[in-house]
Amino acid sequence: MRSLKGREVVRALELAGFTIVRTSASHHIMKRAGQEGTVSVPVHAGKDVKTGTLASVIRQSGLTKEQFWAFVENI
């Protein structure tokens, strides 16, 4: 799994229809209209999102890994 910065994860989720509803310290809380729950993305300057955390973000989003990586390719 390729490493990504938190900002890249946020941009990919925005392409998938998510919007930032609030920030909590260094985390962006995102939500997609018509979908329950939120996705918390850590955005730490200059640091990559850890592999397990990225897998959790993808799972929280309700996207498949393939769908998520397709959005990453369009950044």
PDB file of N, CA and C in Angstrom:
ATOM      1  N   MET A   1       0.843  -1.173   0.000  1.00  0.00           N
ATOM      2  CA  MET A   1       0.000   0.000   0.000  1.00  0.00           C
ATOM      3  C   MET A   1       0.891   1.240   0.000  1.00  0.00           C
ATOM      4  N   ARG A   2       0.650   2.128  -0.918  1.00  0.00           N
ATOM      5  CA  ARG A   2       1.410   3.363  -1.059  1.00  0.00           C
ATOM      6  C   ARG A   2       1.126   4.296   0.120  1.00  0.00           C
ATOM      7  N   SER A   3       2.141   5.007   0.576  1.00  0.00           N
ATOM      8  CA  SER A   3       1.923   5.939   1.683  1.00  0.00           C
ATOM      9  C   SER A   3       1.402   7.268   1.137  1.00  0.00           C
ATOM     10  N   LEU A   4       0.543   7.897   1.918  1.00  0.00           N
ATOM     11  CA  LEU A   4      -0.065   9.165   1.533  1.00  0.00           C
ATOM     12  C   LEU A   4       0.012  10.144   2.691  1.00  0.00           C
ATOM     13  N   LYS A   5       0.086  11.415   2.357  1.00  0.00           N
ATOM     14  CA  LYS A   5      -0.014  12.467   3.364  1.00  0.00           C
ATOM     15  C   LYS A   5      -1.492  12.617   3.719  1.00  0.00           C
ATOM     16  N   GLY A   6      -1.778  13.130   4.889  1.00  0.00           N
ATOM     17  CA  GLY A   6      -3.155  13.331   5.313  1.00  0.00           C
ATOM     18  C   GLY A   6      -3.934  14.212   4.352  1.00  0.00           C
ATOM     19  N   ARG A   7      -3.291  15.235   3.836  1.00  0.00           N
ATOM     20  CA  ARG A   7      -3.948  16.159   2.906  1.00  0.00           C
ATOM     21  C   ARG A   7      -4.353  15.428   1.612  1.00  0.00           C
ATOM     22  N   GLU A   8      -3.530  14.469   1.172  1.00  0.00           N
ATOM     23  CA  GLU A   8      -3.859  13.684  -0.025  1.00  0.00           C
ATOM     24  C   GLU A   8      -5.078  12.804   0.225  1.00  0.00           C
ATOM     25  N   VAL A   9      -5.171  12.248   1.410  1.00  0.00           N
ATOM     26  CA  VAL A   9      -6.332  11.424   1.767  1.00  0.00           C
ATOM     27  C   VAL A   9      -7.591  12.285   1.755  1.00  0.00           C
ATOM     28  N   VAL A  10      -7.501  13.482   2.319  1.00  0.00           N
ATOM     29  CA  VAL A  10      -8.642  14.408   2.337  1.00  0.00           C
ATOM     30  C   VAL A  10      -9.068  14.742   0.910  1.00  0.00           C
ATOM     31  N   ARG A  11      -8.125  15.026   0.043  1.00  0.00           N
ATOM     32  CA  ARG A  11      -8.457  15.377  -1.348  1.00  0.00           C
ATOM     33  C   ARG A  11      -9.118  14.212  -2.073  1.00  0.00           C
ATOM     34  N   ALA A  12      -8.636  12.996  -1.844  1.00  0.00           N
ATOM     35  CA  ALA A  12      -9.245  11.819  -2.480  1.00  0.00           C
ATOM     36  C   ALA A  12     -10.687  11.643  -1.994  1.00  0.00           C
ATOM     37  N   LEU A  13     -10.907  11.818  -0.702  1.00  0.00           N
ATOM     38  CA  LEU A  13     -12.262  11.689  -0.166  1.00  0.00           C
ATOM     39  C   LEU A  13     -13.178  12.801  -0.673  1.00  0.00           C
ATOM     40  N   GLU A  14     -12.626  13.993  -0.861  1.00  0.00           N
ATOM     41  CA  GLU A  14     -13.426  15.075  -1.437  1.00  0.00           C
ATOM     42  C   GLU A  14     -13.880  14.716  -2.851  1.00  0.00           C
ATOM     43  N   LEU A  15     -13.003  14.084  -3.620  1.00  0.00           N
ATOM     44  CA  LEU A  15     -13.381  13.631  -4.964  1.00  0.00           C
ATOM     45  C   LEU A  15     -14.483  12.576  -4.897  1.00  0.00           C
ATOM     46  N   ALA A  16     -14.520  11.825  -3.796  1.00  0.00           N
ATOM     47  CA  ALA A  16     -15.535  10.780  -3.617  1.00  0.00           C
ATOM     48  C   ALA A  16     -16.849  11.357  -3.089  1.00  0.00           C
ATOM     49  N   GLY A  17     -16.900  12.669  -2.871  1.00  0.00           N
ATOM     50  CA  GLY A  17     -18.147  13.294  -2.430  1.00  0.00           C
ATOM     51  C   GLY A  17     -18.205  13.657  -0.965  1.00  0.00           C
ATOM     52  N   PHE A  18     -17.109  13.492  -0.242  1.00  0.00           N
ATOM     53  CA  PHE A  18     -17.070  13.859   1.174  1.00  0.00           C
ATOM     54  C   PHE A  18     -16.742  15.341   1.319  1.00  0.00           C
ATOM     55  N   THR A  19     -17.215  15.942   2.400  1.00  0.00           N
ATOM     56  CA  THR A  19     -16.871  17.322   2.724  1.00  0.00           C
ATOM     57  C   THR A  19     -16.383  17.373   4.170  1.00  0.00           C
ATOM     58  N   ILE A  20     -15.544  18.354   4.443  1.00  0.00           N
ATOM     59  CA  ILE A  20     -15.055  18.554   5.813  1.00  0.00           C
ATOM     60  C   ILE A  20     -16.161  19.262   6.588  1.00  0.00           C
ATOM     61  N   VAL A  21     -16.626  18.626   7.658  1.00  0.00           N
ATOM     62  CA  VAL A  21     -17.680  19.230   8.469  1.00  0.00           C
ATOM     63  C   VAL A  21     -17.108  19.960   9.677  1.00  0.00           C
ATOM     64  N   ARG A  22     -15.926  19.542  10.117  1.00  0.00           N
ATOM     65  CA  ARG A  22     -15.262  20.247  11.216  1.00  0.00           C
ATOM     66  C   ARG A  22     -13.834  19.720  11.328  1.00  0.00           C
ATOM     67  N   THR A  23     -13.030  20.424  12.116  1.00  0.00           N
ATOM     68  CA  THR A  23     -11.695  19.946  12.437  1.00  0.00           C
ATOM     69  C   THR A  23     -11.599  19.832  13.948  1.00  0.00           C
ATOM     70  N   SER A  24     -10.848  18.852  14.381  1.00  0.00           N
ATOM     71  CA  SER A  24     -10.624  18.634  15.798  1.00  0.00           C
ATOM     72  C   SER A  24      -9.128  18.430  15.979  1.00  0.00           C
ATOM     73  N   ALA A  25      -8.461  19.463  16.452  1.00  0.00           N
ATOM     74  CA  ALA A  25      -7.003  19.473  16.558  1.00  0.00           C
ATOM     75  C   ALA A  25      -6.420  19.253  15.158  1.00  0.00           C
ATOM     76  N   SER A  26      -5.699  18.172  14.940  1.00  0.00           N
ATOM     77  CA  SER A  26      -5.082  17.936  13.630  1.00  0.00           C
ATOM     78  C   SER A  26      -5.851  16.905  12.809  1.00  0.00           C
ATOM     79  N   HIS A  27      -7.107  16.688  13.134  1.00  0.00           N
ATOM     80  CA  HIS A  27      -7.930  15.732  12.406  1.00  0.00           C
ATOM     81  C   HIS A  27      -9.064  16.454  11.672  1.00  0.00           C
ATOM     82  N   HIS A  28      -9.271  16.057  10.429  1.00  0.00           N
ATOM     83  CA  HIS A  28     -10.395  16.574   9.651  1.00  0.00           C
ATOM     84  C   HIS A  28     -11.515  15.543   9.729  1.00  0.00           C
ATOM     85  N   ILE A  29     -12.684  15.982  10.142  1.00  0.00           N
ATOM     86  CA  ILE A  29     -13.849  15.113  10.238  1.00  0.00           C
ATOM     87  C   ILE A  29     -14.668  15.341   8.976  1.00  0.00           C
ATOM     88  N   MET A  30     -14.893  14.256   8.222  1.00  0.00           N
ATOM     89  CA  MET A  30     -15.545  14.364   6.927  1.00  0.00           C
ATOM     90  C   MET A  30     -16.826  13.551   6.899  1.00  0.00           C
ATOM     91  N   LYS A  31     -17.773  14.001   6.072  1.00  0.00           N
ATOM     92  CA  LYS A  31     -19.064  13.329   5.950  1.00  0.00           C
ATOM     93  C   LYS A  31     -19.511  13.410   4.500  1.00  0.00           C
ATOM     94  N   ARG A  32     -20.237  12.386   4.068  1.00  0.00           N
ATOM     95  CA  ARG A  32     -20.819  12.387   2.731  1.00  0.00           C
ATOM     96  C   ARG A  32     -22.330  12.450   2.874  1.00  0.00           C
ATOM     97  N   ALA A  33     -22.962  13.314   2.087  1.00  0.00           N
ATOM     98  CA  ALA A  33     -24.416  13.479   2.129  1.00  0.00           C
ATOM     99  C   ALA A  33     -25.092  12.143   1.854  1.00  0.00           C
ATOM    100  N   GLY A  34     -26.102  11.835   2.658  1.00  0.00           N
ATOM    101  CA  GLY A  34     -26.855  10.603   2.478  1.00  0.00           C
ATOM    102  C   GLY A  34     -26.210   9.374   3.086  1.00  0.00           C
ATOM    103  N   GLN A  35     -25.104   9.549   3.771  1.00  0.00           N
ATOM    104  CA  GLN A  35     -24.407   8.425   4.389  1.00  0.00           C
ATOM    105  C   GLN A  35     -24.267   8.686   5.881  1.00  0.00           C
ATOM    106  N   GLU A  36     -24.533   7.660   6.683  1.00  0.00           N
ATOM    107  CA  GLU A  36     -24.388   7.805   8.132  1.00  0.00           C
ATOM    108  C   GLU A  36     -22.923   7.749   8.529  1.00  0.00           C
ATOM    109  N   GLY A  37     -22.623   8.369   9.638  1.00  0.00           N
ATOM    110  CA  GLY A  37     -21.282   8.309  10.188  1.00  0.00           C
ATOM    111  C   GLY A  37     -20.336   9.315   9.561  1.00  0.00           C
ATOM    112  N   THR A  38     -19.163   9.413  10.171  1.00  0.00           N
ATOM    113  CA  THR A  38     -18.136  10.332   9.703  1.00  0.00           C
ATOM    114  C   THR A  38     -16.827   9.579   9.525  1.00  0.00           C
ATOM    115  N   VAL A  39     -15.898  10.245   8.881  1.00  0.00           N
ATOM    116  CA  VAL A  39     -14.561   9.701   8.674  1.00  0.00           C
ATOM    117  C   VAL A  39     -13.578  10.695   9.280  1.00  0.00           C
ATOM    118  N   SER A  40     -12.694  10.230  10.124  1.00  0.00           N
ATOM    119  CA  SER A  40     -11.694  11.071  10.764  1.00  0.00           C
ATOM    120  C   SER A  40     -10.339  10.842  10.092  1.00  0.00           C
ATOM    121  N   VAL A  41      -9.776  11.920   9.525  1.00  0.00           N
ATOM    122  CA  VAL A  41      -8.503  11.817   8.809  1.00  0.00           C
ATOM    123  C   VAL A  41      -7.448  12.636   9.552  1.00  0.00           C
ATOM    124  N   PRO A  42      -6.364  11.988   9.999  1.00  0.00           N
ATOM    125  CA  PRO A  42      -5.293  12.744  10.655  1.00  0.00           C
ATOM    126  C   PRO A  42      -4.477  13.507   9.617  1.00  0.00           C
ATOM    127  N   VAL A  43      -4.313  14.804   9.844  1.00  0.00           N
ATOM    128  CA  VAL A  43      -3.533  15.633   8.923  1.00  0.00           C
ATOM    129  C   VAL A  43      -2.413  16.280   9.723  1.00  0.00           C
ATOM    130  N   HIS A  44      -1.276  15.604   9.748  1.00  0.00           N
ATOM    131  CA  HIS A  44      -0.102  16.096  10.467  1.00  0.00           C
ATOM    132  C   HIS A  44       0.902  16.577   9.426  1.00  0.00           C
ATOM    133  N   ALA A  45       1.332  17.808   9.534  1.00  0.00           N
ATOM    134  CA  ALA A  45       2.216  18.411   8.539  1.00  0.00           C
ATOM    135  C   ALA A  45       3.471  17.566   8.309  1.00  0.00           C
ATOM    136  N   GLY A  46       3.699  17.210   7.056  1.00  0.00           N
ATOM    137  CA  GLY A  46       4.917  16.508   6.680  1.00  0.00           C
ATOM    138  C   GLY A  46       4.966  15.033   7.024  1.00  0.00           C
ATOM    139  N   LYS A  47       3.898  14.483   7.585  1.00  0.00           N
ATOM    140  CA  LYS A  47       3.912  13.073   7.974  1.00  0.00           C
ATOM    141  C   LYS A  47       2.924  12.276   7.148  1.00  0.00           C
ATOM    142  N   ASP A  48       3.295  11.028   6.857  1.00  0.00           N
ATOM    143  CA  ASP A  48       2.410  10.117   6.145  1.00  0.00           C
ATOM    144  C   ASP A  48       1.401   9.505   7.111  1.00  0.00           C
ATOM    145  N   VAL A  49       0.248   9.151   6.572  1.00  0.00           N
ATOM    146  CA  VAL A  49      -0.755   8.425   7.354  1.00  0.00           C
ATOM    147  C   VAL A  49      -0.286   6.980   7.428  1.00  0.00           C
ATOM    148  N   LYS A  50      -0.265   6.418   8.620  1.00  0.00           N
ATOM    149  CA  LYS A  50       0.193   5.040   8.795  1.00  0.00           C
ATOM    150  C   LYS A  50      -0.731   4.069   8.072  1.00  0.00           C
ATOM    151  N   THR A  51      -0.194   2.937   7.658  1.00  0.00           N
ATOM    152  CA  THR A  51      -0.917   1.956   6.861  1.00  0.00           C
ATOM    153  C   THR A  51      -2.205   1.487   7.530  1.00  0.00           C
ATOM    154  N   GLY A  52      -2.150   1.159   8.808  1.00  0.00           N
ATOM    155  CA  GLY A  52      -3.339   0.700   9.520  1.00  0.00           C
ATOM    156  C   GLY A  52      -4.385   1.789   9.645  1.00  0.00           C
ATOM    157  N   THR A  53      -3.929   3.020   9.847  1.00  0.00           N
ATOM    158  CA  THR A  53      -4.847   4.159   9.940  1.00  0.00           C
ATOM    159  C   THR A  53      -5.507   4.400   8.594  1.00  0.00           C
ATOM    160  N   LEU A  54      -4.741   4.307   7.514  1.00  0.00           N
ATOM    161  CA  LEU A  54      -5.291   4.490   6.174  1.00  0.00           C
ATOM    162  C   LEU A  54      -6.337   3.421   5.871  1.00  0.00           C
ATOM    163  N   ALA A  55      -6.059   2.185   6.252  1.00  0.00           N
ATOM    164  CA  ALA A  55      -7.028   1.100   6.048  1.00  0.00           C
ATOM    165  C   ALA A  55      -8.311   1.393   6.828  1.00  0.00           C
ATOM    166  N   SER A  56      -8.188   1.941   8.027  1.00  0.00           N
ATOM    167  CA  SER A  56      -9.348   2.286   8.839  1.00  0.00           C
ATOM    168  C   SER A  56     -10.151   3.422   8.204  1.00  0.00           C
ATOM    169  N   VAL A  57      -9.471   4.419   7.658  1.00  0.00           N
ATOM    170  CA  VAL A  57     -10.140   5.532   6.989  1.00  0.00           C
ATOM    171  C   VAL A  57     -10.938   5.020   5.796  1.00  0.00           C
ATOM    172  N   ILE A  58     -10.333   4.134   5.013  1.00  0.00           N
ATOM    173  CA  ILE A  58     -11.015   3.566   3.843  1.00  0.00           C
ATOM    174  C   ILE A  58     -12.252   2.792   4.290  1.00  0.00           C
ATOM    175  N   ARG A  59     -12.114   1.999   5.348  1.00  0.00           N
ATOM    176  CA  ARG A  59     -13.234   1.221   5.868  1.00  0.00           C
ATOM    177  C   ARG A  59     -14.353   2.142   6.368  1.00  0.00           C
ATOM    178  N   GLN A  60     -13.987   3.200   7.100  1.00  0.00           N
ATOM    179  CA  GLN A  60     -14.975   4.159   7.613  1.00  0.00           C
ATOM    180  C   GLN A  60     -15.726   4.850   6.481  1.00  0.00           C
ATOM    181  N   SER A  61     -15.054   5.065   5.363  1.00  0.00           N
ATOM    182  CA  SER A  61     -15.657   5.790   4.251  1.00  0.00           C
ATOM    183  C   SER A  61     -16.709   4.969   3.515  1.00  0.00           C
ATOM    184  N   GLY A  62     -16.642   3.658   3.650  1.00  0.00           N
ATOM    185  CA  GLY A  62     -17.585   2.798   2.937  1.00  0.00           C
ATOM    186  C   GLY A  62     -17.160   2.520   1.511  1.00  0.00           C
ATOM    187  N   LEU A  63     -15.989   3.014   1.117  1.00  0.00           N
ATOM    188  CA  LEU A  63     -15.459   2.748  -0.220  1.00  0.00           C
ATOM    189  C   LEU A  63     -14.663   1.451  -0.207  1.00  0.00           C
ATOM    190  N   THR A  64     -14.547   0.820  -1.362  1.00  0.00           N
ATOM    191  CA  THR A  64     -13.642  -0.317  -1.473  1.00  0.00           C
ATOM    192  C   THR A  64     -12.234   0.243  -1.648  1.00  0.00           C
ATOM    193  N   LYS A  65     -11.236  -0.586  -1.430  1.00  0.00           N
ATOM    194  CA  LYS A  65      -9.858  -0.144  -1.634  1.00  0.00           C
ATOM    195  C   LYS A  65      -9.648   0.303  -3.071  1.00  0.00           C
ATOM    196  N   GLU A  66     -10.237  -0.426  -4.014  1.00  0.00           N
ATOM    197  CA  GLU A  66     -10.085  -0.102  -5.431  1.00  0.00           C
ATOM    198  C   GLU A  66     -10.703   1.254  -5.747  1.00  0.00           C
ATOM    199  N   GLN A  67     -11.881   1.527  -5.186  1.00  0.00           N
ATOM    200  CA  GLN A  67     -12.533   2.814  -5.415  1.00  0.00           C
ATOM    201  C   GLN A  67     -11.693   3.947  -4.838  1.00  0.00           C
ATOM    202  N   PHE A  68     -11.193   3.761  -3.619  1.00  0.00           N
ATOM    203  CA  PHE A  68     -10.390   4.794  -2.978  1.00  0.00           C
ATOM    204  C   PHE A  68      -9.147   5.099  -3.803  1.00  0.00           C
ATOM    205  N   TRP A  69      -8.433   4.056  -4.235  1.00  0.00           N
ATOM    206  CA  TRP A  69      -7.185   4.276  -4.984  1.00  0.00           C
ATOM    207  C   TRP A  69      -7.462   4.893  -6.359  1.00  0.00           C
ATOM    208  N   ALA A  70      -8.635   4.654  -6.923  1.00  0.00           N
ATOM    209  CA  ALA A  70      -9.010   5.301  -8.184  1.00  0.00           C
ATOM    210  C   ALA A  70      -9.124   6.818  -7.962  1.00  0.00           C
ATOM    211  N   PHE A  71      -9.681   7.226  -6.821  1.00  0.00           N
ATOM    212  CA  PHE A  71      -9.770   8.656  -6.510  1.00  0.00           C
ATOM    213  C   PHE A  71      -8.385   9.242  -6.238  1.00  0.00           C
ATOM    214  N   VAL A  72      -7.507   8.467  -5.608  1.00  0.00           N
ATOM    215  CA  VAL A  72      -6.140   8.931  -5.344  1.00  0.00           C
ATOM    216  C   VAL A  72      -5.420   9.213  -6.671  1.00  0.00           C
ATOM    217  N   GLU A  73      -5.639   8.354  -7.661  1.00  0.00           N
ATOM    218  CA  GLU A  73      -4.983   8.536  -8.961  1.00  0.00           C
ATOM    219  C   GLU A  73      -5.438   9.815  -9.647  1.00  0.00           C
ATOM    220  N   ASN A  74      -6.612  10.338  -9.298  1.00  0.00           N
ATOM    221  CA  ASN A  74      -7.126  11.554  -9.921  1.00  0.00           C
ATOM    222  C   ASN A  74      -6.749  12.836  -9.204  1.00  0.00           C
ATOM    223  N   ILE A  75      -5.939  12.724  -8.171  1.00  0.00           N
ATOM    224  CA  ILE A  75      -5.513  13.930  -7.425  1.00  0.00           C
ATOM    225  C   ILE A  75      -4.541  14.699  -8.303  1.00  0.00           C
TER     226      ILE A  75
END
